[in-house]
Amino acid sequence: MIERILSVRPSNSPEEIAHHSVFDGEKWRKVPGVLAVRLGMTRTEDKDAEIDRLFEKISQIASDRSARQLLKKLDDCKHKLYAVKFHLRQIVQEINRRVAAFERNHSAASGASVEIANHVLIYETEAFLFQVKSNLDLLVQVMGHVIPSLKSFRTFSHSGAPGTPEYAAGGKVIKELRSCGKIDIANLFDSQRTSWIEEMTIMRDTITHYSGLRDFHCFVEEPYRGGGQVQIHYPTMPSGERVDAYCGKIYDQLCGLYRSAFHQIECLVSGDTKDV
């Protein structure tokens, strides 16, 4: 039988509370029994000041204008951006862990190059790509609360068939932004599309519709050729870029997209108090 409850002995001595307080109109009085309340908290070490600052101004504007649905969607975005940062951190930690192991005690192969699948790197990188795409989808939903014609969009919808010259990641969203006169936001997403979003989206779609990320490589060790050293290549994306460098760059670009998009959304929210 699998246990469902873990009993631990706390290191401190918290107060044992067997009552709650109610207000009778004049004063608070104690009533037997504990209310069914669960407090949700985040550990200090799990917080990220950079991400929190990114959402601070737009969340305050939404709160001041009682834009409850917009505020909830912003919280969803923040949750997803935290997820991207989590996977990036895991990728960096795994690479550092393996490098330390190679430098500490490594038995080299001979006669052939060797690549051993590192499932932590493989699955964390795949998860990273999924979470980045999810951020784009949720950002579209945020815009739907201030741009009525985007309300029906749930994802960063592409136009054209993947693999064809007509394919454009987010093409339908960008087209709609242009048609409703939001040219600056349309240009922002179009420039981001060509610089990094499209490449990332194609890789994410490959994982979704096929299997692993094609031409992704873990640590590749060259055959030992003497000289007292062996060459080991860092994990790389299909483009040949180091995995940690690529993911760090994409995280920075995603934060930059949020920053620029929020600036323009803030202007729209400030000019329209209705939470659509």
C-alpha atoms as a PDB file:
ATOM      1  CA  MET A   1       0.000   0.000   0.000  1.00  0.00           C
ATOM      2  CA  ILE A   2       1.356   3.418  -0.983  1.00  0.00           C
ATOM      3  CA  GLU A   3       1.279   5.928   1.849  1.00  0.00           C
ATOM      4  CA  ARG A   4      -0.564   9.163   1.054  1.00  0.00           C
ATOM      5  CA  ILE A   5       0.462  11.158   4.133  1.00  0.00           C
ATOM      6  CA  LEU A   6       3.972  11.946   5.348  1.00  0.00           C
ATOM      7  CA  SER A   7       4.392  12.606   9.077  1.00  0.00           C
ATOM      8  CA  VAL A   8       7.392  14.694  10.082  1.00  0.00           C
ATOM      9  CA  ARG A   9       8.556  16.216  13.374  1.00  0.00           C
ATOM     10  CA  PRO A  10       9.004  20.007  12.928  1.00  0.00           C
ATOM     11  CA  SER A  11      12.239  21.567  14.184  1.00  0.00           C
ATOM     12  CA  ASN A  12      10.305  24.475  15.747  1.00  0.00           C
ATOM     13  CA  SER A  13       7.375  24.529  18.194  1.00  0.00           C
ATOM     14  CA  PRO A  14       4.479  26.302  16.450  1.00  0.00           C
ATOM     15  CA  GLU A  15       1.412  27.349  18.407  1.00  0.00           C
ATOM     16  CA  GLU A  16      -1.305  24.731  18.387  1.00  0.00           C
ATOM     17  CA  ILE A  17      -4.482  26.524  17.274  1.00  0.00           C
ATOM     18  CA  ALA A  18      -7.890  24.941  17.809  1.00  0.00           C
ATOM     19  CA  HIS A  19     -10.099  27.972  17.206  1.00  0.00           C
ATOM     20  CA  HIS A  20     -10.811  30.776  14.767  1.00  0.00           C
ATOM     21  CA  SER A  21     -12.110  34.328  15.203  1.00  0.00           C
ATOM     22  CA  VAL A  22     -15.402  35.808  13.997  1.00  0.00           C
ATOM     23  CA  PHE A  23     -16.635  39.412  14.120  1.00  0.00           C
ATOM     24  CA  ASP A  24     -20.080  39.823  15.668  1.00  0.00           C
ATOM     25  CA  GLY A  25     -20.484  43.443  14.592  1.00  0.00           C
ATOM     26  CA  GLU A  26     -18.864  44.913  17.680  1.00  0.00           C
ATOM     27  CA  LYS A  27     -15.848  42.788  18.524  1.00  0.00           C
ATOM     28  CA  TRP A  28     -13.912  39.673  17.535  1.00  0.00           C
ATOM     29  CA  ARG A  29     -14.591  36.500  19.537  1.00  0.00           C
ATOM     30  CA  LYS A  30     -13.060  33.061  19.514  1.00  0.00           C
ATOM     31  CA  VAL A  31     -15.031  30.148  18.122  1.00  0.00           C
ATOM     32  CA  PRO A  32     -13.973  26.482  18.495  1.00  0.00           C
ATOM     33  CA  GLY A  33     -12.657  24.744  15.413  1.00  0.00           C
ATOM     34  CA  VAL A  34     -10.075  25.550  12.738  1.00  0.00           C
ATOM     35  CA  LEU A  35     -11.198  27.049   9.434  1.00  0.00           C
ATOM     36  CA  ALA A  36     -10.514  25.032   6.305  1.00  0.00           C
ATOM     37  CA  VAL A  37      -7.890  27.434   4.952  1.00  0.00           C
ATOM     38  CA  ARG A  38      -4.787  26.518   3.001  1.00  0.00           C
ATOM     39  CA  LEU A  39      -2.132  29.203   2.619  1.00  0.00           C
ATOM     40  CA  GLY A  40      -0.245  29.164  -0.680  1.00  0.00           C
ATOM     41  CA  MET A  41       3.286  30.524  -0.377  1.00  0.00           C
ATOM     42  CA  THR A  42       6.496  30.606  -2.407  1.00  0.00           C
ATOM     43  CA  ARG A  43       9.900  30.043  -0.850  1.00  0.00           C
ATOM     44  CA  THR A  44      12.163  33.081  -0.985  1.00  0.00           C
ATOM     45  CA  GLU A  45      14.833  31.136  -2.869  1.00  0.00           C
ATOM     46  CA  ASP A  46      12.300  30.216  -5.560  1.00  0.00           C
ATOM     47  CA  LYS A  47      11.415  33.830  -6.337  1.00  0.00           C
ATOM     48  CA  ASP A  48      12.914  35.709  -9.281  1.00  0.00           C
ATOM     49  CA  ALA A  49      13.177  39.478  -8.886  1.00  0.00           C
ATOM     50  CA  GLU A  50      13.757  40.039 -12.608  1.00  0.00           C
ATOM     51  CA  ILE A  51      10.548  38.255 -13.593  1.00  0.00           C
ATOM     52  CA  ASP A  52       8.542  39.897 -10.803  1.00  0.00           C
ATOM     53  CA  ARG A  53       9.693  43.375 -11.887  1.00  0.00           C
ATOM     54  CA  LEU A  54       8.740  42.599 -15.477  1.00  0.00           C
ATOM     55  CA  PHE A  55       5.087  42.081 -14.477  1.00  0.00           C
ATOM     56  CA  GLU A  56       4.907  44.693 -11.730  1.00  0.00           C
ATOM     57  CA  LYS A  57       3.713  47.785 -13.647  1.00  0.00           C
ATOM     58  CA  ILE A  58       1.194  46.136 -15.978  1.00  0.00           C
ATOM     59  CA  SER A  59      -0.260  44.079 -13.112  1.00  0.00           C
ATOM     60  CA  GLN A  60      -0.669  47.225 -11.024  1.00  0.00           C
ATOM     61  CA  ILE A  61      -2.459  48.986 -13.893  1.00  0.00           C
ATOM     62  CA  ALA A  62      -4.783  46.014 -14.362  1.00  0.00           C
ATOM     63  CA  SER A  63      -5.433  45.884 -10.611  1.00  0.00           C
ATOM     64  CA  ASP A  64      -6.152  49.616 -10.377  1.00  0.00           C
ATOM     65  CA  ARG A  65      -8.722  49.302 -13.154  1.00  0.00           C
ATOM     66  CA  SER A  66     -10.281  46.144 -11.679  1.00  0.00           C
ATOM     67  CA  ALA A  67      -9.394  44.240 -14.853  1.00  0.00           C
ATOM     68  CA  ARG A  68      -9.710  40.908 -13.082  1.00  0.00           C
ATOM     69  CA  GLN A  69      -9.581  38.628 -16.115  1.00  0.00           C
ATOM     70  CA  LEU A  70      -6.546  40.438 -17.501  1.00  0.00           C
ATOM     71  CA  LEU A  71      -4.846  40.199 -14.106  1.00  0.00           C
ATOM     72  CA  LYS A  72      -5.485  36.462 -13.957  1.00  0.00           C
ATOM     73  CA  LYS A  73      -4.039  35.976 -17.434  1.00  0.00           C
ATOM     74  CA  LEU A  74      -0.945  37.967 -16.455  1.00  0.00           C
ATOM     75  CA  ASP A  75      -0.495  35.633 -13.482  1.00  0.00           C
ATOM     76  CA  ASP A  76      -0.675  32.706 -15.923  1.00  0.00           C
ATOM     77  CA  CYS A  77       2.046  34.316 -18.033  1.00  0.00           C
ATOM     78  CA  LYS A  78       4.262  34.848 -15.011  1.00  0.00           C
ATOM     79  CA  HIS A  79       3.831  31.208 -14.010  1.00  0.00           C
ATOM     80  CA  LYS A  80       4.921  30.103 -17.469  1.00  0.00           C
ATOM     81  CA  LEU A  81       7.909  32.439 -17.574  1.00  0.00           C
ATOM     82  CA  TYR A  82       9.017  31.036 -14.229  1.00  0.00           C
ATOM     83  CA  ALA A  83       8.781  27.592 -15.870  1.00  0.00           C
ATOM     84  CA  VAL A  84      11.064  28.684 -18.722  1.00  0.00           C
ATOM     85  CA  LYS A  85      13.605  29.971 -16.193  1.00  0.00           C
ATOM     86  CA  PHE A  86      13.330  26.697 -14.234  1.00  0.00           C
ATOM     87  CA  HIS A  87      14.152  24.555 -17.270  1.00  0.00           C
ATOM     88  CA  LEU A  88      17.012  26.874 -18.260  1.00  0.00           C
ATOM     89  CA  ARG A  89      18.471  26.521 -14.777  1.00  0.00           C
ATOM     90  CA  GLN A  90      18.175  22.720 -14.910  1.00  0.00           C
ATOM     91  CA  ILE A  91      19.933  22.632 -18.288  1.00  0.00           C
ATOM     92  CA  VAL A  92      22.826  24.760 -17.033  1.00  0.00           C
ATOM     93  CA  GLN A  93      23.134  22.721 -13.844  1.00  0.00           C
ATOM     94  CA  GLU A  94      23.189  19.418 -15.733  1.00  0.00           C
ATOM     95  CA  ILE A  95      25.884  20.626 -18.123  1.00  0.00           C
ATOM     96  CA  ASN A  96      27.990  21.892 -15.209  1.00  0.00           C
ATOM     97  CA  ARG A  97      27.485  18.601 -13.374  1.00  0.00           C
ATOM     98  CA  ARG A  98      28.656  16.542 -16.337  1.00  0.00           C
ATOM     99  CA  VAL A  99      31.635  18.818 -17.041  1.00  0.00           C
ATOM    100  CA  ALA A 100      32.720  18.461 -13.416  1.00  0.00           C
ATOM    101  CA  ALA A 101      32.428  14.672 -13.708  1.00  0.00           C
ATOM    102  CA  PHE A 102      34.528  14.646 -16.906  1.00  0.00           C
ATOM    103  CA  GLU A 103      37.238  16.769 -15.280  1.00  0.00           C
ATOM    104  CA  ARG A 104      37.222  14.777 -12.046  1.00  0.00           C
ATOM    105  CA  ASN A 105      37.536  11.246 -13.399  1.00  0.00           C
ATOM    106  CA  HIS A 106      36.914  10.318 -17.021  1.00  0.00           C
ATOM    107  CA  SER A 107      37.801   7.100 -18.819  1.00  0.00           C
ATOM    108  CA  ALA A 108      38.304   7.933 -22.490  1.00  0.00           C
ATOM    109  CA  ALA A 109      37.169   5.758 -25.380  1.00  0.00           C
ATOM    110  CA  SER A 110      39.375   4.924 -28.344  1.00  0.00           C
ATOM    111  CA  GLY A 111      38.787   4.126 -31.985  1.00  0.00           C
ATOM    112  CA  ALA A 112      35.423   5.874 -32.346  1.00  0.00           C
ATOM    113  CA  SER A 113      33.577   8.967 -31.234  1.00  0.00           C
ATOM    114  CA  VAL A 114      31.061   8.412 -28.451  1.00  0.00           C
ATOM    115  CA  GLU A 115      27.763  10.093 -27.593  1.00  0.00           C
ATOM    116  CA  ILE A 116      25.767   8.864 -24.627  1.00  0.00           C
ATOM    117  CA  ALA A 117      22.187  10.091 -24.466  1.00  0.00           C
ATOM    118  CA  ASN A 118      21.696  12.462 -21.548  1.00  0.00           C
ATOM    119  CA  HIS A 119      17.980  12.261 -20.844  1.00  0.00           C
ATOM    120  CA  VAL A 120      18.029  15.162 -18.398  1.00  0.00           C
ATOM    121  CA  LEU A 121      19.334  17.464 -21.137  1.00  0.00           C
ATOM    122  CA  ILE A 122      17.082  15.999 -23.809  1.00  0.00           C
ATOM    123  CA  TYR A 123      13.828  16.264 -21.873  1.00  0.00           C
ATOM    124  CA  GLU A 124      14.648  19.558 -20.151  1.00  0.00           C
ATOM    125  CA  THR A 125      15.434  21.151 -23.531  1.00  0.00           C
ATOM    126  CA  GLU A 126      12.205  19.810 -25.008  1.00  0.00           C
ATOM    127  CA  ALA A 127      10.270  21.114 -21.990  1.00  0.00           C
ATOM    128  CA  PHE A 128      12.020  24.480 -22.352  1.00  0.00           C
ATOM    129  CA  LEU A 129      10.802  24.801 -25.958  1.00  0.00           C
ATOM    130  CA  PHE A 130       7.253  23.824 -24.992  1.00  0.00           C
ATOM    131  CA  GLN A 131       7.144  26.397 -22.203  1.00  0.00           C
ATOM    132  CA  VAL A 132       8.457  29.176 -24.456  1.00  0.00           C
ATOM    133  CA  LYS A 133       5.730  28.438 -27.004  1.00  0.00           C
ATOM    134  CA  SER A 134       3.166  28.380 -24.180  1.00  0.00           C
ATOM    135  CA  ASN A 135       4.320  31.866 -23.150  1.00  0.00           C
ATOM    136  CA  LEU A 136       3.614  33.132 -26.670  1.00  0.00           C
ATOM    137  CA  ASP A 137       0.139  31.565 -26.614  1.00  0.00           C
ATOM    138  CA  LEU A 138      -0.697  33.174 -23.266  1.00  0.00           C
ATOM    139  CA  LEU A 139       0.674  36.539 -24.368  1.00  0.00           C
ATOM    140  CA  VAL A 140      -1.813  36.433 -27.255  1.00  0.00           C
ATOM    141  CA  GLN A 141      -4.578  35.773 -24.713  1.00  0.00           C
ATOM    142  CA  VAL A 142      -3.387  38.792 -22.689  1.00  0.00           C
ATOM    143  CA  MET A 143      -3.683  40.954 -25.798  1.00  0.00           C
ATOM    144  CA  GLY A 144      -7.164  39.558 -26.350  1.00  0.00           C
ATOM    145  CA  HIS A 145      -8.305  41.352 -23.187  1.00  0.00           C
ATOM    146  CA  VAL A 146      -7.347  44.753 -24.600  1.00  0.00           C
ATOM    147  CA  ILE A 147      -7.710  44.159 -28.369  1.00  0.00           C
ATOM    148  CA  PRO A 148     -11.253  42.818 -28.932  1.00  0.00           C
ATOM    149  CA  SER A 149     -10.578  41.238 -32.334  1.00  0.00           C
ATOM    150  CA  LEU A 150      -7.950  38.967 -30.733  1.00  0.00           C
ATOM    151  CA  LYS A 151     -10.361  37.659 -28.088  1.00  0.00           C
ATOM    152  CA  SER A 152     -11.062  34.485 -30.068  1.00  0.00           C
ATOM    153  CA  PHE A 153      -7.355  33.646 -30.497  1.00  0.00           C
ATOM    154  CA  ARG A 154      -6.061  31.095 -27.993  1.00  0.00           C
ATOM    155  CA  THR A 155      -2.615  30.463 -29.511  1.00  0.00           C
ATOM    156  CA  PHE A 156       0.104  32.205 -31.493  1.00  0.00           C
ATOM    157  CA  SER A 157      -1.537  30.793 -34.628  1.00  0.00           C
ATOM    158  CA  HIS A 158       0.673  30.247 -37.660  1.00  0.00           C
ATOM    159  CA  SER A 159      -0.268  30.902 -41.264  1.00  0.00           C
ATOM    160  CA  GLY A 160       0.689  28.691 -44.189  1.00  0.00           C
ATOM    161  CA  ALA A 161       1.853  25.103 -43.993  1.00  0.00           C
ATOM    162  CA  PRO A 162       5.060  24.319 -42.075  1.00  0.00           C
ATOM    163  CA  GLY A 163       7.951  23.743 -44.446  1.00  0.00           C
ATOM    164  CA  THR A 164       6.529  25.972 -47.180  1.00  0.00           C
ATOM    165  CA  PRO A 165       7.601  29.536 -48.117  1.00  0.00           C
ATOM    166  CA  GLU A 166       4.168  30.771 -46.960  1.00  0.00           C
ATOM    167  CA  TYR A 167       4.678  29.519 -43.394  1.00  0.00           C
ATOM    168  CA  ALA A 168       4.793  32.234 -40.732  1.00  0.00           C
ATOM    169  CA  ALA A 169       4.767  31.480 -36.998  1.00  0.00           C
ATOM    170  CA  GLY A 170       2.088  33.706 -35.509  1.00  0.00           C
ATOM    171  CA  GLY A 171       1.118  34.820 -38.987  1.00  0.00           C
ATOM    172  CA  LYS A 172      -2.616  34.854 -38.294  1.00  0.00           C
ATOM    173  CA  VAL A 173      -2.153  36.896 -35.121  1.00  0.00           C
ATOM    174  CA  ILE A 174       0.140  39.396 -36.848  1.00  0.00           C
ATOM    175  CA  LYS A 175      -2.292  39.738 -39.761  1.00  0.00           C
ATOM    176  CA  GLU A 176      -5.168  40.446 -37.366  1.00  0.00           C
ATOM    177  CA  LEU A 177      -3.108  43.048 -35.488  1.00  0.00           C
ATOM    178  CA  ARG A 178      -2.447  44.853 -38.754  1.00  0.00           C
ATOM    179  CA  SER A 179      -6.067  44.673 -39.871  1.00  0.00           C
ATOM    180  CA  CYS A 180      -7.292  46.286 -36.622  1.00  0.00           C
ATOM    181  CA  GLY A 181      -4.748  49.081 -36.829  1.00  0.00           C
ATOM    182  CA  LYS A 182      -2.302  47.904 -34.139  1.00  0.00           C
ATOM    183  CA  ILE A 183       0.674  48.333 -36.462  1.00  0.00           C
ATOM    184  CA  ASP A 184       3.361  48.870 -33.815  1.00  0.00           C
ATOM    185  CA  ILE A 185       2.482  45.641 -31.979  1.00  0.00           C
ATOM    186  CA  ALA A 186       2.217  43.789 -35.309  1.00  0.00           C
ATOM    187  CA  ASN A 187       5.685  44.996 -36.313  1.00  0.00           C
ATOM    188  CA  LEU A 188       7.059  43.994 -32.905  1.00  0.00           C
ATOM    189  CA  PHE A 189       5.844  40.412 -33.242  1.00  0.00           C
ATOM    190  CA  ASP A 190       6.852  40.207 -36.896  1.00  0.00           C
ATOM    191  CA  SER A 191      10.429  41.244 -36.123  1.00  0.00           C
ATOM    192  CA  GLN A 192      10.590  38.756 -33.229  1.00  0.00           C
ATOM    193  CA  ARG A 193       9.137  36.063 -35.483  1.00  0.00           C
ATOM    194  CA  THR A 194      11.954  36.334 -37.994  1.00  0.00           C
ATOM    195  CA  SER A 195      14.739  36.716 -35.424  1.00  0.00           C
ATOM    196  CA  TRP A 196      13.950  33.752 -33.144  1.00  0.00           C
ATOM    197  CA  ILE A 197      10.315  32.697 -32.790  1.00  0.00           C
ATOM    198  CA  GLU A 198      10.028  30.821 -36.072  1.00  0.00           C
ATOM    199  CA  GLU A 199      13.127  28.681 -35.523  1.00  0.00           C
ATOM    200  CA  MET A 200      12.036  27.870 -31.973  1.00  0.00           C
ATOM    201  CA  THR A 201       8.475  27.047 -33.055  1.00  0.00           C
ATOM    202  CA  ILE A 202       9.622  24.673 -35.806  1.00  0.00           C
ATOM    203  CA  MET A 203      11.762  22.760 -33.297  1.00  0.00           C
ATOM    204  CA  ARG A 204       8.875  22.616 -30.826  1.00  0.00           C
ATOM    205  CA  ASP A 205       6.519  21.349 -33.552  1.00  0.00           C
ATOM    206  CA  THR A 206       9.041  18.660 -34.521  1.00  0.00           C
ATOM    207  CA  ILE A 207       8.973  17.350 -30.957  1.00  0.00           C
ATOM    208  CA  THR A 208       5.176  17.569 -30.813  1.00  0.00           C
ATOM    209  CA  HIS A 209       4.406  15.810 -34.075  1.00  0.00           C
ATOM    210  CA  TYR A 210       7.326  13.406 -34.396  1.00  0.00           C
ATOM    211  CA  SER A 211       9.615  12.408 -31.558  1.00  0.00           C
ATOM    212  CA  GLY A 212      12.911  13.806 -30.356  1.00  0.00           C
ATOM    213  CA  LEU A 213      14.587  16.975 -31.530  1.00  0.00           C
ATOM    214  CA  ARG A 214      16.416  16.041 -34.719  1.00  0.00           C
ATOM    215  CA  ASP A 215      20.172  16.705 -34.809  1.00  0.00           C
ATOM    216  CA  PHE A 216      20.244  17.524 -31.101  1.00  0.00           C
ATOM    217  CA  HIS A 217      23.503  16.278 -29.601  1.00  0.00           C
ATOM    218  CA  CYS A 218      24.520  15.579 -26.033  1.00  0.00           C
ATOM    219  CA  PHE A 219      28.200  15.496 -25.056  1.00  0.00           C
ATOM    220  CA  VAL A 220      30.099  14.038 -28.028  1.00  0.00           C
ATOM    221  CA  GLU A 221      33.552  12.654 -27.264  1.00  0.00           C
ATOM    222  CA  GLU A 222      36.144  12.368 -30.017  1.00  0.00           C
ATOM    223  CA  PRO A 223      38.298   9.226 -30.115  1.00  0.00           C
ATOM    224  CA  TYR A 224      41.478   9.477 -28.100  1.00  0.00           C
ATOM    225  CA  ARG A 225      44.436  10.330 -30.341  1.00  0.00           C
ATOM    226  CA  GLY A 226      47.183  10.597 -27.757  1.00  0.00           C
ATOM    227  CA  GLY A 227      48.720  13.647 -26.162  1.00  0.00           C
ATOM    228  CA  GLY A 228      47.136  13.089 -22.751  1.00  0.00           C
ATOM    229  CA  GLN A 229      43.846  14.818 -23.577  1.00  0.00           C
ATOM    230  CA  VAL A 230      40.544  13.927 -25.234  1.00  0.00           C
ATOM    231  CA  GLN A 231      38.202  16.413 -26.894  1.00  0.00           C
ATOM    232  CA  ILE A 232      34.566  16.458 -25.737  1.00  0.00           C
ATOM    233  CA  HIS A 233      32.039  18.675 -27.503  1.00  0.00           C
ATOM    234  CA  TYR A 234      29.413  20.534 -25.479  1.00  0.00           C
ATOM    235  CA  PRO A 235      25.730  19.625 -26.117  1.00  0.00           C
ATOM    236  CA  THR A 236      24.364  21.405 -29.184  1.00  0.00           C
ATOM    237  CA  MET A 237      21.047  22.357 -30.762  1.00  0.00           C
ATOM    238  CA  PRO A 238      20.303  21.311 -34.382  1.00  0.00           C
ATOM    239  CA  SER A 239      21.893  24.609 -35.488  1.00  0.00           C
ATOM    240  CA  GLY A 240      25.173  23.633 -33.821  1.00  0.00           C
ATOM    241  CA  GLU A 241      24.794  26.285 -31.097  1.00  0.00           C
ATOM    242  CA  ARG A 242      25.569  25.242 -27.534  1.00  0.00           C
ATOM    243  CA  VAL A 243      22.370  24.206 -25.761  1.00  0.00           C
ATOM    244  CA  ASP A 244      22.859  26.401 -22.696  1.00  0.00           C
ATOM    245  CA  ALA A 245      23.840  29.422 -24.817  1.00  0.00           C
ATOM    246  CA  TYR A 246      20.820  28.980 -27.098  1.00  0.00           C
ATOM    247  CA  CYS A 247      18.336  28.568 -24.246  1.00  0.00           C
ATOM    248  CA  GLY A 248      19.814  31.529 -22.362  1.00  0.00           C
ATOM    249  CA  LYS A 249      19.488  33.679 -25.485  1.00  0.00           C
ATOM    250  CA  ILE A 250      15.878  32.613 -26.059  1.00  0.00           C
ATOM    251  CA  TYR A 251      14.988  33.360 -22.438  1.00  0.00           C
ATOM    252  CA  ASP A 252      16.456  36.860 -22.762  1.00  0.00           C
ATOM    253  CA  GLN A 253      14.598  37.463 -26.032  1.00  0.00           C
ATOM    254  CA  LEU A 254      11.337  36.222 -24.534  1.00  0.00           C
ATOM    255  CA  CYS A 255      11.747  38.631 -21.605  1.00  0.00           C
ATOM    256  CA  GLY A 256      12.491  41.396 -24.094  1.00  0.00           C
ATOM    257  CA  LEU A 257       9.328  40.576 -26.034  1.00  0.00           C
ATOM    258  CA  TYR A 258       7.281  40.701 -22.830  1.00  0.00           C
ATOM    259  CA  ARG A 259       8.851  44.040 -21.909  1.00  0.00           C
ATOM    260  CA  SER A 260       8.104  45.642 -25.290  1.00  0.00           C
ATOM    261  CA  ALA A 261       4.621  44.121 -25.617  1.00  0.00           C
ATOM    262  CA  PHE A 262       3.668  45.130 -22.064  1.00  0.00           C
ATOM    263  CA  HIS A 263       4.719  48.710 -22.735  1.00  0.00           C
ATOM    264  CA  GLN A 264       2.295  48.908 -25.650  1.00  0.00           C
ATOM    265  CA  ILE A 265      -0.454  46.996 -23.828  1.00  0.00           C
ATOM    266  CA  GLU A 266      -0.109  49.335 -20.838  1.00  0.00           C
ATOM    267  CA  CYS A 267      -0.851  52.270 -23.133  1.00  0.00           C
ATOM    268  CA  LEU A 268      -3.963  50.511 -24.445  1.00  0.00           C
ATOM    269  CA  VAL A 269      -5.167  49.602 -20.948  1.00  0.00           C
ATOM    270  CA  SER A 270      -4.603  53.145 -19.689  1.00  0.00           C
ATOM    271  CA  GLY A 271      -6.782  54.466 -22.479  1.00  0.00           C
ATOM    272  CA  ASP A 272      -9.564  51.923 -21.989  1.00  0.00           C
ATOM    273  CA  THR A 273     -10.888  51.065 -18.519  1.00  0.00           C
ATOM    274  CA  LYS A 274     -13.152  48.271 -19.715  1.00  0.00           C
ATOM    275  CA  ASP A 275     -11.947  44.748 -19.042  1.00  0.00           C
ATOM    276  CA  VAL A 276     -13.078  43.081 -22.259  1.00  0.00           C
END
